[in-house]
Protein backbone atom coordinates (compact mmCIF):
# COMPACT_ATOMS: atom_id res chain seq x y z
CA MET A 1 119.20 39.78 -41.07
CA LEU A 2 119.90 36.50 -42.83
CA LYS A 3 121.19 36.63 -46.37
CA TYR A 4 121.56 34.23 -49.27
CA GLY A 5 124.05 31.46 -48.55
CA ASP A 6 123.94 31.71 -44.74
CA LYS A 7 124.07 28.61 -42.55
CA ILE A 8 121.31 28.28 -39.95
CA GLY A 9 120.99 25.90 -37.02
CA ILE A 10 117.84 23.82 -36.53
CA VAL A 11 117.16 22.76 -32.93
CA CYS A 12 114.48 21.20 -30.74
CA CYS A 13 114.80 22.74 -27.28
CA SER A 14 111.37 21.47 -26.24
CA ASN A 15 109.47 18.44 -27.57
CA GLY A 16 111.41 16.22 -29.94
CA GLN A 17 110.07 15.56 -33.40
CA LYS A 18 108.37 12.23 -34.06
CA HIS A 19 110.26 9.91 -36.38
CA THR A 20 107.17 9.83 -38.57
CA TYR A 21 107.83 13.52 -39.26
CA MET A 22 111.09 12.76 -41.05
CA GLU A 23 109.55 13.44 -44.44
CA LYS A 24 108.21 16.80 -43.21
CA LEU A 25 111.63 17.81 -41.93
CA LYS A 26 113.14 16.85 -45.27
CA CYS A 27 110.56 19.16 -46.86
CA LEU A 28 111.64 21.92 -44.45
CA GLU A 29 115.26 21.34 -45.38
CA ASN A 30 114.43 21.58 -49.10
CA THR A 31 112.34 24.73 -48.58
CA LEU A 32 115.14 26.50 -46.74
CA GLU A 33 117.69 25.46 -49.36
CA ASN A 34 115.38 26.72 -52.11
CA ILE A 35 115.42 30.22 -50.57
CA GLY A 36 119.19 30.17 -50.29
CA LEU A 37 119.75 29.09 -46.69
CA HIS A 38 121.81 26.09 -45.58
CA PRO A 39 120.17 24.31 -42.61
CA VAL A 40 122.28 22.33 -40.15
CA PHE A 41 120.28 20.06 -37.84
CA SER A 42 121.36 19.45 -34.25
CA ASP A 43 121.75 15.94 -32.89
CA CYS A 44 118.73 16.49 -30.63
CA ILE A 45 115.89 16.62 -33.15
CA TYR A 46 113.93 13.36 -32.93
CA GLU A 47 112.28 11.74 -29.91
CA LYS A 48 114.56 9.37 -28.02
CA GLU A 49 112.63 8.83 -24.80
CA ASP A 50 108.95 9.71 -24.77
CA VAL A 51 108.77 13.31 -26.07
CA PHE A 52 112.39 14.13 -25.29
CA SER A 53 115.07 14.44 -27.97
CA GLY A 54 117.70 14.35 -25.25
CA THR A 55 118.18 15.42 -21.66
CA ALA A 56 117.76 19.09 -20.81
CA LYS A 57 121.55 19.41 -20.70
CA GLU A 58 122.01 17.68 -24.06
CA ARG A 59 119.41 19.91 -25.71
CA ALA A 60 120.96 23.03 -24.20
CA GLU A 61 124.44 21.97 -25.33
CA ALA A 62 123.16 21.31 -28.86
CA PHE A 63 121.74 24.84 -28.95
CA MET A 64 124.90 26.42 -27.52
CA ARG A 65 127.12 24.70 -30.08
CA PHE A 66 125.26 26.59 -32.79
CA TYR A 67 125.30 29.80 -30.76
CA LYS A 68 129.10 29.66 -30.43
CA ASP A 69 129.67 28.73 -34.08
CA ASP A 70 130.52 31.87 -36.07
CA GLU A 71 129.38 30.19 -39.30
CA ILE A 72 125.82 29.82 -37.97
CA LYS A 73 123.97 33.07 -38.67
CA GLY A 74 120.61 32.15 -37.17
CA ILE A 75 118.97 29.47 -35.02
CA PHE A 76 115.44 28.16 -35.47
CA ASP A 77 113.66 26.06 -32.85
CA ILE A 78 111.14 23.70 -34.50
CA SER A 79 109.88 22.10 -31.30
CA GLY A 80 106.78 24.24 -30.92
CA GLY A 81 104.17 25.21 -33.51
CA ASP A 82 104.55 25.10 -37.27
CA VAL A 83 107.71 26.21 -39.03
CA ALA A 84 107.77 29.36 -41.08
CA ASN A 85 108.08 28.34 -44.71
CA GLY A 86 107.62 31.40 -46.87
CA ASN A 87 110.16 33.13 -49.17
CA ASP A 88 109.68 36.39 -47.26
CA LEU A 89 110.23 35.09 -43.74
CA PHE A 90 111.00 38.48 -42.21
CA GLN A 91 108.67 40.78 -44.18
CA ILE A 92 105.93 41.30 -41.62
CA ASN A 93 102.80 43.37 -42.14
CA PHE A 94 101.43 45.28 -39.16
CA ARG A 95 98.20 47.16 -38.49
CA PHE A 96 97.98 49.70 -35.68
CA ILE A 97 94.89 49.52 -33.49
CA GLN A 98 96.13 52.16 -31.06
CA GLN A 99 98.57 55.07 -31.50
CA SER A 100 100.72 55.25 -34.63
CA LYS A 101 104.34 54.26 -34.02
CA MET A 102 106.67 52.34 -31.73
CA GLN A 103 110.37 51.70 -31.44
CA GLY A 104 112.37 49.35 -29.26
CA ILE A 105 114.08 46.00 -28.92
CA VAL A 106 111.69 43.09 -29.36
CA VAL A 107 111.13 40.74 -26.42
CA GLY A 108 108.45 38.18 -25.65
CA GLY A 109 106.86 35.54 -27.85
CA ASN A 110 104.31 32.94 -26.83
CA ILE A 111 102.60 34.54 -23.83
CA ARG A 112 102.36 31.33 -21.78
CA CYS A 113 105.99 30.38 -22.35
CA PHE A 114 107.24 33.93 -21.82
CA LEU A 115 105.62 34.03 -18.39
CA LYS A 116 107.58 30.93 -17.36
CA LEU A 117 110.55 33.31 -17.11
CA ALA A 118 108.83 35.49 -14.49
CA GLY A 119 110.79 35.56 -11.26
CA THR A 120 113.87 33.93 -12.79
CA GLU A 121 117.22 35.38 -13.81
CA TYR A 122 116.26 34.76 -17.43
CA MET A 123 113.41 37.27 -17.55
CA PRO A 124 114.54 40.10 -19.85
CA GLY A 125 114.32 43.72 -18.82
CA LEU A 126 111.22 45.38 -20.26
CA ASP A 127 112.07 49.08 -20.05
CA GLY A 128 111.60 50.67 -23.46
CA LYS A 129 111.08 47.31 -25.18
CA ILE A 130 108.48 46.19 -27.70
CA LEU A 131 106.55 43.30 -26.17
CA LEU A 132 105.51 40.62 -28.65
CA LEU A 133 102.65 38.37 -27.55
CA GLU A 134 100.98 35.44 -29.34
CA SER A 135 99.39 32.15 -28.31
CA PHE A 136 98.18 28.83 -29.63
CA GLY A 137 95.94 27.67 -26.78
CA GLY A 138 93.72 29.60 -24.43
CA THR A 139 90.34 31.33 -24.58
CA VAL A 140 89.24 34.48 -22.77
CA ALA A 141 89.75 33.39 -19.15
CA LYS A 142 93.25 32.02 -19.70
CA ILE A 143 94.50 34.91 -21.85
CA GLU A 144 93.01 37.42 -19.39
CA THR A 145 94.93 35.67 -16.60
CA TYR A 146 98.20 35.94 -18.51
CA LEU A 147 97.63 39.61 -19.29
CA CYS A 148 96.79 40.36 -15.65
CA GLN A 149 100.01 38.68 -14.55
CA LEU A 150 101.99 40.88 -16.92
CA GLN A 151 100.14 43.90 -15.56
CA GLN A 152 100.91 42.91 -11.97
CA MET A 153 104.58 42.52 -12.92
CA GLY A 154 104.54 46.14 -14.11
CA ALA A 155 105.25 45.10 -17.70
CA PHE A 156 102.81 47.52 -19.27
CA ASP A 157 104.27 50.45 -17.33
CA LYS A 158 107.69 49.76 -18.87
CA VAL A 159 107.28 48.70 -22.49
CA ALA A 160 107.26 51.13 -25.41
CA GLY A 161 104.69 49.21 -27.40
CA ILE A 162 102.94 45.89 -27.90
CA ILE A 163 102.76 43.64 -30.96
CA LEU A 164 99.95 41.08 -30.99
CA GLY A 165 100.38 38.03 -33.20
CA THR A 166 97.72 35.40 -33.68
CA PHE A 167 95.86 33.83 -30.75
CA THR A 168 94.77 30.62 -32.42
CA GLU A 169 92.20 29.17 -30.04
CA MET A 170 90.68 32.60 -29.32
CA GLU A 171 90.18 33.09 -33.04
CA GLN A 172 88.92 29.58 -33.75
CA GLU A 173 86.32 29.88 -31.00
CA LYS A 174 85.41 33.42 -32.14
CA CYS A 175 85.81 34.59 -28.55
CA ILE A 176 84.24 37.81 -27.33
CA PRO A 177 85.88 39.93 -26.09
CA THR A 178 88.76 39.56 -28.54
CA VAL A 179 92.38 39.59 -27.44
CA GLU A 180 92.72 43.11 -28.85
CA THR A 181 89.89 44.29 -26.60
CA LEU A 182 91.37 42.53 -23.56
CA VAL A 183 94.75 44.16 -24.10
CA LYS A 184 93.33 47.65 -24.69
CA ARG A 185 91.28 47.42 -21.48
CA ILE A 186 94.38 46.63 -19.44
CA VAL A 187 97.05 48.87 -20.96
CA GLY A 188 95.03 52.05 -21.53
CA LYS A 189 94.80 54.40 -24.51
CA ASP A 190 98.37 55.70 -24.58
CA MET A 191 100.10 52.39 -25.31
CA PRO A 192 101.01 51.81 -28.98
CA ILE A 193 99.52 48.49 -30.12
CA ALA A 194 100.04 46.84 -33.50
CA VAL A 195 98.59 43.53 -34.66
CA THR A 196 99.84 41.10 -37.30
CA ARG A 197 98.58 37.88 -38.86
CA ASP A 198 102.16 36.97 -39.79
CA ILE A 199 103.41 35.85 -36.36
CA GLY A 200 101.98 32.88 -34.47
CA HIS A 201 101.26 29.21 -34.93
CA GLY A 202 99.87 29.08 -38.46
CA THR A 203 101.53 27.14 -41.27
CA ASP A 204 102.16 30.46 -43.02
CA SER A 205 103.73 32.14 -39.99
CA LYS A 206 106.85 34.21 -40.44
CA ALA A 207 109.81 34.97 -38.20
CA ILE A 208 110.74 37.98 -36.10
CA VAL A 209 114.11 38.47 -34.44
CA ILE A 210 113.94 38.58 -30.66
CA GLY A 211 116.52 41.01 -29.32
CA GLN A 212 116.63 43.20 -32.41
CA GLU A 213 115.44 46.80 -32.50
CA LEU A 214 112.41 47.62 -34.64
CA TYR A 215 110.75 50.83 -35.67
CA ILE A 216 107.13 50.57 -36.81
CA GLU A 217 104.98 53.46 -37.95
CA LYS A 218 101.40 53.65 -39.13
CA GLN A 219 102.38 55.42 -42.32
CA CYS A 220 103.81 52.24 -43.85
CA GLU A 221 102.98 49.68 -41.15
CA LYS A 222 105.97 47.48 -41.77
CA CYS A 223 108.96 46.66 -39.65
CA ILE A 224 112.21 48.54 -40.12
CA GLU A 225 115.17 46.83 -38.52
CA LYS A 226 117.63 49.13 -36.83
C-alpha cells in the first residue's frame, strides 16, 4: 500500500497523451502531491507520432525503469480511461450479489484488454484468484462474447471469486440483461460475485492493486489487503 511521501511513476504504455492535455496532467500532478505522493513522469507521456508516445520498445523501457527503481513505490498508467483522483484511492466499497466472501490474489482488469493475453505467455494463472472485470465500451452482445471466451478458457472453473467494476456503455444504454445477469448465468450460483462502482472508467474511479491478495466479506463489504 502506498503511504505519504512515496514516489510513484506515471507512464503511458498505450496511447500517448495529447499535448493539449498538458494542463490536465499538471492538475493530476498537483492532486497527487496534495495527497502526499510524489509523481515522476516517464519520458513517454505525450504523442510523438500519431497516437504513439514512443515505440513499443521505448514505452516498455520507460515502464521497466520505474519497475527496477527501488524508490518508486507504485506505477500508474494514464493511457487508458480517466485517472483516479480521490483522496481515498484504495478504499473500495463492494456489494455482494452472490455468496458472501472471497479471498485470493487479484488478476484481470478491463475485460477486452485482459483477453488480449489469452494464448500468450503473459496470461496469468487463474487458479484460486479473484478475477476483476470492467469495461468502457461494449453492449450485451460484445460483453457476452467476452464472458463466453473466458468460460471456454476454463476461467470460471478456476477462480475463487469475481469482482465486477463498471461497464460504462452497458450502463449508459441501460442494457437488459445487465452485466450482473450475464455473469450469473454463465458462472452458476456457487461463484462469489461482488460489484463495485469504484473501479472502472469514471472520473471518480479508484485504484486496486493487481497481484495483491484481498479478502472480502459481506459483513463489512470492503477490501482487506493481505
